[in-house]
Amino acid sequence: MSTFDAIILGAGAAGLFCGVEAAARGRHIAVLDHAARPGEKIRISGGGRCNFTNQSLTRQNAPDRFLSENPRFALSALSRFTARDMIARIEAAGIPWHEKHSGQLFFDGKAHQLVEHFCAALPEGALRLGVAVEAVNRVAEGFAVRTSEGVMRAPRVIVATGGKSIPKIGASGLGYKIAESFGLRVTETRPGLVPLTFAEQDLARTAPLAGIGLPARVHLGKRSFDEALLFTHRGLSGPAILQASSYWQPGEALTIDLAPGRDLVAELAAIRAETGRIAVQTALARLLPEKLAQVLVAESGVSGRLADLSNRALGPLVSRAQDWQIRPVGSEGYRTAEVTVGGVATEALEAKTLEAKAVPGLHFIGEVVDVTGWLGGYNFQWAWSSAWAAAQVI
């Protein structure tokens, strides 16, 4: 039977970083994962370059950037290990990075550099891959973790098993089962940052637009997201839709502006003054993708020469373009979801240490917790911050 200061379950972003930080403090640790390779979500995210943090994250805007029953729960960890702290770790490792936009930071090269750096920083033998966790039980000395390679003991267990998103890289609900086995509540979980799908009758109209992307403003309730939108063969994707998807509930409609910040009536009027004899569809195709212009004109019922159409007559067409309401029927599910919304209830955890209030020594970090960030590096920053917070008490 092996004994450690702490056993970390999961070798993803949170688990690896927690192991690195705990090892740096001289702790004897084991990092277990049933997968064959560590840090797969790090490797594949951001097109292989990993949007590892967002430097625009502040204590003031953090509650608005994270979904949770208690959006302020994450503040303790996020304010104690910040984006700037993670940048310092990346720079110390000699890994070059750049800002893409809106504070989103990516590696210049492939993200596997960070995974390799983490693995090299762990003590020899600490990372144990291909090891399935079968049960975690309370014992007199702390915890006994029953695995496919025998029983391991430690006074502390850190659950960093992630959520259900992207099962092809090994995601499962193990962390939720462990929490529930100790009587901790798990909030309802669902796919987040995921493409949305349409009913057949809506797809019949939008499927010809598959592959078209453009800037958009997506409204859902009181929230709106100004990002790129992408038409797909099953519905909608792109950053604006992924952001909205984390808040979307079945039955809700989206209101979409396909020309945000623009006055399409004025733009069409300017074309009319220049060359009014052209068809309205041809004119709109100067302002928006051609296929999209065709669909908008057909569905609005506005047709004819631009010269024959007053600004008021253009109203239904412009409304269709800038006030499009669509009701998705579902999402692509965990298969393509970047994150899992929901998880171990924050009310069950200490904000400073991520330790279960009712089970001393048992911690939950990263995606397994009911803390879900926006697209743009927020979820990775939560992984780093929560992992660092737990490592300080190992």
Protein backbone atom coordinates (compact mmCIF):
# COMPACT_ATOMS: atom_id res chain seq x y z
CA MET A 1 0.00 0.00 0.00
CA SER A 2 1.40 3.39 -1.05
CA THR A 3 1.10 6.45 1.18
CA PHE A 4 1.28 10.09 0.08
CA ASP A 5 0.75 13.58 1.45
CA ALA A 6 -1.95 14.01 -1.18
CA ILE A 7 -3.50 12.07 -4.03
CA ILE A 8 -4.72 14.12 -6.98
CA LEU A 9 -7.38 12.53 -9.14
CA GLY A 10 -7.13 13.75 -12.73
CA ALA A 11 -4.19 14.83 -14.88
CA GLY A 12 -5.91 17.63 -16.74
CA ALA A 13 -5.17 21.34 -16.38
CA ALA A 14 -6.19 21.64 -12.73
CA GLY A 15 -4.76 18.30 -11.61
CA LEU A 16 -1.37 18.76 -13.26
CA PHE A 17 -0.95 22.31 -11.99
CA CYS A 18 -2.02 21.35 -8.48
CA GLY A 19 0.56 18.57 -8.54
CA VAL A 20 3.28 20.92 -9.74
CA GLU A 21 2.49 23.50 -7.06
CA ALA A 22 2.25 20.91 -4.27
CA ALA A 23 5.51 19.26 -5.35
CA ALA A 24 7.21 22.67 -5.33
CA ARG A 25 6.23 22.87 -1.67
CA GLY A 26 7.98 19.59 -1.00
CA ARG A 27 4.90 17.39 -0.76
CA HIS A 28 4.89 13.70 -1.66
CA ILE A 29 2.09 13.37 -4.18
CA ALA A 30 0.53 11.09 -6.75
CA VAL A 31 -1.41 12.34 -9.77
CA LEU A 32 -3.69 9.62 -11.14
CA ASP A 33 -5.56 9.46 -14.44
CA HIS A 34 -7.21 6.64 -16.37
CA ALA A 35 -6.20 8.22 -19.69
CA ALA A 36 -3.06 7.29 -21.59
CA ARG A 37 -1.90 10.89 -21.97
CA PRO A 38 -2.09 13.86 -19.60
CA GLY A 39 -3.48 17.32 -20.30
CA GLU A 40 -5.50 16.45 -23.38
CA LYS A 41 -7.85 19.43 -23.10
CA ILE A 42 -4.81 21.72 -22.89
CA ARG A 43 -3.40 20.10 -26.03
CA ILE A 44 -6.52 20.41 -28.16
CA SER A 45 -7.97 23.75 -27.04
CA GLY A 46 -7.58 26.92 -29.06
CA GLY A 47 -6.72 25.05 -32.22
CA GLY A 48 -3.78 23.43 -30.44
CA ARG A 49 -2.43 26.70 -29.07
CA CYS A 50 -4.54 26.88 -25.89
CA ASN A 51 -6.23 30.08 -24.76
CA PHE A 52 -4.57 29.67 -21.35
CA THR A 53 -5.95 32.77 -19.60
CA ASN A 54 -7.59 36.14 -20.11
CA GLN A 55 -5.68 39.12 -18.82
CA SER A 56 -8.78 41.32 -18.83
CA LEU A 57 -10.18 39.30 -15.90
CA THR A 58 -10.55 41.44 -12.77
CA ARG A 59 -12.17 41.07 -9.39
CA GLN A 60 -14.85 43.49 -10.55
CA ASN A 61 -15.87 41.66 -13.75
CA ALA A 62 -15.25 38.10 -12.56
CA PRO A 63 -18.80 37.49 -11.21
CA ASP A 64 -20.17 38.37 -14.65
CA ARG A 65 -17.71 36.11 -16.45
CA PHE A 66 -18.58 32.93 -14.54
CA LEU A 67 -21.79 30.92 -14.23
CA SER A 68 -22.53 29.36 -10.85
CA GLU A 69 -25.20 29.23 -8.18
CA ASN A 70 -22.83 31.65 -6.45
CA PRO A 71 -20.81 33.56 -9.08
CA ARG A 72 -18.80 35.28 -6.33
CA PHE A 73 -17.50 31.98 -4.98
CA ALA A 74 -14.61 31.95 -7.45
CA LEU A 75 -13.33 35.37 -6.39
CA SER A 76 -11.16 34.10 -3.54
CA ALA A 77 -9.08 31.76 -5.68
CA LEU A 78 -9.06 34.04 -8.73
CA SER A 79 -7.83 37.05 -6.74
CA ARG A 80 -5.09 35.09 -4.96
CA PHE A 81 -3.67 33.47 -8.10
CA THR A 82 -4.36 35.83 -10.99
CA ALA A 83 -3.91 35.83 -14.73
CA ARG A 84 -0.73 37.83 -14.18
CA ASP A 85 0.57 35.09 -11.87
CA MET A 86 -0.06 32.47 -14.53
CA ILE A 87 1.62 34.60 -17.17
CA ALA A 88 4.66 34.78 -14.89
CA ARG A 89 4.71 30.96 -14.67
CA ILE A 90 4.46 30.69 -18.47
CA GLU A 91 7.26 33.19 -19.01
CA ALA A 92 9.46 31.48 -16.42
CA ALA A 93 8.98 28.27 -18.39
CA GLY A 94 10.20 30.06 -21.51
CA ILE A 95 6.96 29.49 -23.44
CA PRO A 96 6.17 32.43 -25.77
CA TRP A 97 2.61 33.74 -25.95
CA HIS A 98 0.57 36.46 -27.57
CA GLU A 99 -2.74 38.25 -27.10
CA LYS A 100 -5.28 37.48 -29.78
CA HIS A 101 -8.07 39.89 -28.80
CA SER A 102 -10.11 40.95 -25.78
CA GLY A 103 -7.40 39.85 -23.36
CA GLN A 104 -7.31 36.28 -24.69
CA LEU A 105 -3.80 34.84 -24.45
CA PHE A 106 -2.55 31.98 -26.62
CA PHE A 107 0.77 30.21 -26.98
CA ASP A 108 2.82 31.11 -30.05
CA GLY A 109 3.57 27.44 -30.58
CA LYS A 110 1.76 24.23 -29.72
CA ALA A 111 0.11 23.83 -26.33
CA HIS A 112 1.84 20.52 -25.65
CA GLN A 113 4.78 22.66 -24.48
CA LEU A 114 2.87 23.48 -21.31
CA VAL A 115 1.84 19.87 -20.74
CA GLU A 116 5.45 18.76 -21.13
CA HIS A 117 6.59 21.51 -18.77
CA PHE A 118 4.11 20.40 -16.11
CA CYS A 119 5.09 16.74 -16.47
CA ALA A 120 8.79 17.61 -16.18
CA ALA A 121 8.10 19.64 -13.03
CA LEU A 122 6.44 16.69 -11.29
CA PRO A 123 8.64 14.37 -9.22
CA GLU A 124 9.64 11.13 -10.91
CA GLY A 125 6.88 8.56 -10.59
CA ALA A 126 4.28 11.08 -9.37
CA LEU A 127 2.27 10.99 -12.59
CA ARG A 128 0.51 7.66 -12.98
CA LEU A 129 -1.44 7.22 -16.18
CA GLY A 130 -3.73 4.37 -17.15
CA VAL A 131 -4.82 4.05 -13.53
CA ALA A 132 -8.56 3.78 -12.96
CA VAL A 133 -10.00 5.10 -9.70
CA GLU A 134 -12.60 2.68 -8.36
CA ALA A 135 -13.54 4.26 -5.02
CA VAL A 136 -12.52 6.87 -2.47
CA ASN A 137 -13.23 6.00 1.17
CA ARG A 138 -12.71 7.75 4.49
CA VAL A 139 -10.31 5.93 6.83
CA ALA A 140 -8.67 6.81 10.13
CA GLU A 141 -5.54 8.24 8.47
CA GLY A 142 -7.49 10.25 5.92
CA PHE A 143 -8.53 8.55 2.69
CA ALA A 144 -8.05 5.26 0.93
CA VAL A 145 -8.22 5.45 -2.85
CA ARG A 146 -8.90 2.09 -4.43
CA THR A 147 -7.45 1.92 -7.93
CA SER A 148 -6.79 -0.60 -10.67
CA GLU A 149 -3.22 -0.77 -9.29
CA GLY A 150 -4.12 -1.23 -5.66
CA VAL A 151 -5.00 0.94 -2.68
CA MET A 152 -3.29 4.28 -2.03
CA ARG A 153 -3.64 6.36 1.13
CA ALA A 154 -3.28 10.03 1.91
CA PRO A 155 -4.62 12.58 4.41
CA ARG A 156 -5.82 14.68 1.46
CA VAL A 157 -7.50 13.86 -1.85
CA ILE A 158 -7.92 16.50 -4.54
CA VAL A 159 -10.62 15.72 -7.11
CA ALA A 160 -9.64 17.30 -10.44
CA THR A 161 -11.48 14.92 -12.73
CA GLY A 162 -13.17 17.60 -14.84
CA GLY A 163 -16.70 17.43 -16.21
CA LYS A 164 -18.46 15.48 -18.93
CA SER A 165 -17.38 17.54 -21.93
CA ILE A 166 -15.51 15.87 -24.80
CA PRO A 167 -15.81 12.23 -23.67
CA LYS A 168 -13.49 11.08 -26.48
CA ILE A 169 -10.54 12.38 -24.45
CA GLY A 170 -11.67 10.55 -21.33
CA ALA A 171 -14.19 12.87 -19.67
CA SER A 172 -16.58 11.17 -17.25
CA GLY A 173 -18.78 11.92 -14.27
CA LEU A 174 -16.38 10.34 -11.76
CA GLY A 175 -15.90 13.53 -9.75
CA TYR A 176 -19.63 13.97 -9.29
CA LYS A 177 -19.99 10.38 -8.10
CA ILE A 178 -17.21 10.89 -5.54
CA ALA A 179 -18.88 14.05 -4.26
CA GLU A 180 -22.25 12.36 -3.93
CA SER A 181 -20.70 9.37 -2.18
CA PHE A 182 -19.66 11.77 0.58
CA GLY A 183 -23.08 13.43 0.72
CA LEU A 184 -22.13 16.56 -1.22
CA ARG A 185 -24.72 18.09 -3.51
CA VAL A 186 -24.05 18.26 -7.24
CA THR A 187 -25.99 20.86 -9.21
CA GLU A 188 -27.66 19.96 -12.48
CA THR A 189 -25.07 19.63 -15.24
CA ARG A 190 -25.40 20.40 -18.95
CA PRO A 191 -23.14 21.07 -21.94
CA GLY A 192 -21.70 24.58 -22.13
CA LEU A 193 -19.84 26.53 -24.83
CA VAL A 194 -21.50 24.27 -27.37
CA PRO A 195 -23.08 24.69 -30.85
CA LEU A 196 -26.89 24.90 -30.89
CA THR A 197 -29.14 22.86 -33.16
CA PHE A 198 -32.35 23.66 -35.04
CA ALA A 199 -35.60 21.86 -35.77
CA GLU A 200 -36.01 20.43 -39.28
CA GLN A 201 -38.22 23.25 -40.50
CA ASP A 202 -35.64 25.85 -39.50
CA LEU A 203 -32.77 23.82 -40.92
CA ALA A 204 -34.54 23.72 -44.27
CA ARG A 205 -34.05 27.50 -44.43
CA THR A 206 -30.58 27.80 -42.91
CA ALA A 207 -28.75 24.66 -44.09
CA PRO A 208 -27.80 26.30 -47.42
CA LEU A 209 -25.87 28.86 -45.35
CA ALA A 210 -23.62 26.23 -43.71
CA GLY A 211 -20.04 27.45 -43.58
CA ILE A 212 -20.90 31.15 -43.66
CA GLY A 213 -19.48 33.16 -40.78
CA LEU A 214 -19.90 36.82 -39.92
CA PRO A 215 -19.88 39.21 -36.93
CA ALA A 216 -23.13 39.12 -34.95
CA ARG A 217 -24.78 40.20 -31.75
CA VAL A 218 -26.68 37.41 -30.01
CA HIS A 219 -29.24 38.36 -27.38
CA LEU A 220 -30.49 35.92 -24.76
CA GLY A 221 -32.57 37.46 -22.01
CA LYS A 222 -30.65 40.39 -20.55
CA ARG A 223 -27.33 39.20 -21.97
CA SER A 224 -25.84 39.85 -25.36
CA PHE A 225 -22.62 38.66 -26.97
CA ASP A 226 -20.83 40.44 -29.82
CA GLU A 227 -18.67 37.84 -31.53
CA ALA A 228 -18.47 35.84 -34.72
CA LEU A 229 -21.38 33.56 -35.69
CA LEU A 230 -21.16 30.49 -37.91
CA PHE A 231 -23.97 28.73 -39.75
CA THR A 232 -23.64 24.92 -39.64
CA HIS A 233 -25.45 21.95 -41.16
CA ARG A 234 -27.20 21.45 -37.81
CA GLY A 235 -27.76 25.00 -36.62
CA LEU A 236 -25.43 27.70 -35.33
CA SER A 237 -21.94 27.85 -33.85
CA GLY A 238 -19.16 30.40 -33.52
CA PRO A 239 -18.03 32.30 -30.42
CA ALA A 240 -21.25 34.35 -30.06
CA ILE A 241 -23.37 31.19 -30.02
CA LEU A 242 -20.98 29.27 -27.77
CA GLN A 243 -21.13 32.10 -25.23
CA ALA A 244 -24.92 32.20 -25.33
CA SER A 245 -25.19 28.41 -25.13
CA SER A 246 -23.95 28.31 -21.54
CA TYR A 247 -26.98 30.38 -20.53
CA TRP A 248 -29.49 28.93 -22.99
CA GLN A 249 -32.30 26.74 -21.67
CA PRO A 250 -34.57 24.52 -23.80
CA GLY A 251 -37.52 26.51 -25.14
CA GLU A 252 -35.73 29.86 -25.12
CA ALA A 253 -35.40 31.92 -28.30
CA LEU A 254 -32.34 33.82 -29.44
CA THR A 255 -32.54 37.27 -31.01
CA ILE A 256 -29.71 37.79 -33.48
CA ASP A 257 -28.41 40.93 -35.16
CA LEU A 258 -26.47 39.87 -38.27
CA ALA A 259 -25.12 43.38 -38.85
CA PRO A 260 -24.35 44.71 -35.36
CA GLY A 261 -23.64 48.41 -34.99
CA ARG A 262 -24.68 49.14 -38.56
CA ASP A 263 -27.57 51.11 -40.10
CA LEU A 264 -28.57 48.86 -42.98
CA VAL A 265 -31.35 51.21 -44.08
CA ALA A 266 -28.84 54.04 -44.46
CA GLU A 267 -26.36 51.78 -46.25
CA LEU A 268 -29.01 50.55 -48.69
CA ALA A 269 -30.19 54.12 -49.22
CA ALA A 270 -26.64 55.12 -50.13
CA ILE A 271 -26.49 52.34 -52.73
CA ARG A 272 -29.90 53.42 -54.04
CA ALA A 273 -28.64 56.97 -54.52
CA GLU A 274 -25.65 55.66 -56.43
CA THR A 275 -27.29 52.95 -58.54
CA GLY A 276 -30.94 52.41 -57.79
CA ARG A 277 -31.69 50.17 -60.75
CA ILE A 278 -30.10 47.08 -59.17
CA ALA A 279 -32.20 44.44 -57.41
CA VAL A 280 -32.50 44.74 -53.67
CA GLN A 281 -30.91 41.29 -53.31
CA THR A 282 -27.88 42.42 -55.29
CA ALA A 283 -27.60 45.52 -53.14
CA LEU A 284 -27.81 43.57 -49.90
CA ALA A 285 -25.16 41.15 -51.17
CA ARG A 286 -22.77 44.12 -51.17
CA LEU A 287 -23.30 44.44 -47.45
CA LEU A 288 -23.66 40.82 -46.31
CA PRO A 289 -22.58 37.40 -47.64
CA GLU A 290 -24.38 36.68 -50.93
CA LYS A 291 -26.13 33.48 -49.89
CA LEU A 292 -27.28 35.10 -46.66
CA ALA A 293 -28.64 38.07 -48.64
CA GLN A 294 -30.62 35.66 -50.83
CA VAL A 295 -32.22 33.98 -47.83
CA LEU A 296 -33.01 37.25 -46.07
CA VAL A 297 -34.67 38.73 -49.15
CA ALA A 298 -36.69 35.58 -49.78
CA GLU A 299 -37.92 35.37 -46.19
CA SER A 300 -38.66 39.08 -45.81
CA GLY A 301 -40.88 39.24 -48.89
CA VAL A 302 -39.09 42.39 -50.04
CA SER A 303 -38.13 42.26 -53.71
CA GLY A 304 -37.74 44.39 -56.81
CA ARG A 305 -35.44 47.21 -57.78
CA LEU A 306 -33.87 49.18 -54.97
CA ALA A 307 -35.00 52.41 -56.62
CA ASP A 308 -38.63 51.36 -56.21
CA LEU A 309 -38.31 50.69 -52.48
CA SER A 310 -38.59 53.42 -49.86
CA ASN A 311 -36.72 53.23 -46.57
CA ARG A 312 -39.96 52.17 -44.93
CA ALA A 313 -40.47 49.41 -47.50
CA LEU A 314 -37.02 48.08 -46.63
CA GLY A 315 -38.08 47.71 -42.99
CA PRO A 316 -39.08 44.00 -43.07
CA LEU A 317 -35.80 43.10 -44.77
CA VAL A 318 -33.69 45.02 -42.30
CA SER A 319 -35.71 43.61 -39.41
CA ARG A 320 -35.07 40.09 -40.67
CA ALA A 321 -31.35 40.83 -40.76
CA GLN A 322 -31.00 42.67 -37.47
CA ASP A 323 -33.82 41.26 -35.34
CA TRP A 324 -33.86 37.58 -36.32
CA GLN A 325 -35.54 35.40 -33.72
CA ILE A 326 -34.80 31.69 -33.72
CA ARG A 327 -35.63 28.99 -31.17
CA PRO A 328 -33.01 26.21 -31.04
CA VAL A 329 -34.23 22.73 -30.12
CA GLY A 330 -31.04 21.52 -28.50
CA SER A 331 -27.26 21.49 -28.60
CA GLU A 332 -24.51 19.30 -30.02
CA GLY A 333 -24.14 17.88 -26.50
CA TYR A 334 -21.07 16.89 -24.52
CA ARG A 335 -19.44 15.49 -27.65
CA THR A 336 -18.43 18.97 -28.78
CA ALA A 337 -19.05 21.05 -25.64
CA GLU A 338 -15.95 22.80 -24.39
CA VAL A 339 -17.11 22.78 -20.77
CA THR A 340 -19.71 21.39 -18.40
CA VAL A 341 -22.04 23.88 -16.74
CA GLY A 342 -22.83 22.94 -13.13
CA GLY A 343 -21.01 20.56 -10.81
CA VAL A 344 -20.16 20.19 -7.14
CA ALA A 345 -22.19 22.83 -5.32
CA THR A 346 -20.10 25.75 -4.13
CA GLU A 347 -22.06 25.90 -0.87
CA ALA A 348 -20.38 22.60 0.06
CA LEU A 349 -16.84 23.98 -0.37
CA GLU A 350 -14.56 26.44 1.38
CA ALA A 351 -13.84 29.23 -1.10
CA LYS A 352 -10.24 29.70 0.08
CA THR A 353 -9.12 26.08 -0.11
CA LEU A 354 -11.79 24.30 -2.21
CA GLU A 355 -12.08 21.83 0.68
CA ALA A 356 -15.39 20.14 1.40
CA LYS A 357 -16.81 21.70 4.56
CA ALA A 358 -18.26 18.40 5.76
CA VAL A 359 -15.28 16.24 4.70
CA PRO A 360 -11.96 17.72 5.83
CA GLY A 361 -9.12 16.81 3.51
CA LEU A 362 -11.31 16.31 0.44
CA HIS A 363 -10.95 19.06 -2.20
CA PHE A 364 -12.61 19.70 -5.56
CA ILE A 365 -10.93 21.91 -8.16
CA GLY A 366 -11.39 22.96 -11.77
CA GLU A 367 -14.30 22.02 -13.99
CA VAL A 368 -15.80 19.50 -11.56
CA VAL A 369 -16.94 22.45 -9.42
CA ASP A 370 -20.07 24.49 -10.22
CA VAL A 371 -17.96 27.31 -11.68
CA THR A 372 -18.07 27.75 -15.45
CA GLY A 373 -16.35 30.57 -17.29
CA TRP A 374 -17.03 32.38 -20.52
CA LEU A 375 -15.19 31.48 -23.70
CA GLY A 376 -11.83 33.24 -23.84
CA GLY A 377 -9.46 31.67 -21.30
CA TYR A 378 -11.64 32.05 -18.22
CA ASN A 379 -12.07 28.32 -17.61
CA PHE A 380 -8.35 27.65 -17.76
CA GLN A 381 -7.73 30.50 -15.33
CA TRP A 382 -10.25 28.94 -12.94
CA ALA A 383 -8.36 25.66 -13.28
CA TRP A 384 -5.04 27.31 -12.41
CA SER A 385 -6.44 29.43 -9.59
CA SER A 386 -8.45 26.69 -7.89
CA ALA A 387 -5.52 24.26 -8.22
CA TRP A 388 -3.12 26.76 -6.68
CA ALA A 389 -5.53 27.45 -3.80
CA ALA A 390 -5.82 23.75 -2.92
CA ALA A 391 -2.06 23.18 -3.27
CA GLN A 392 -1.35 25.77 -0.58
CA VAL A 393 -2.87 23.57 2.13
CA ILE A 394 -1.48 20.20 1.03
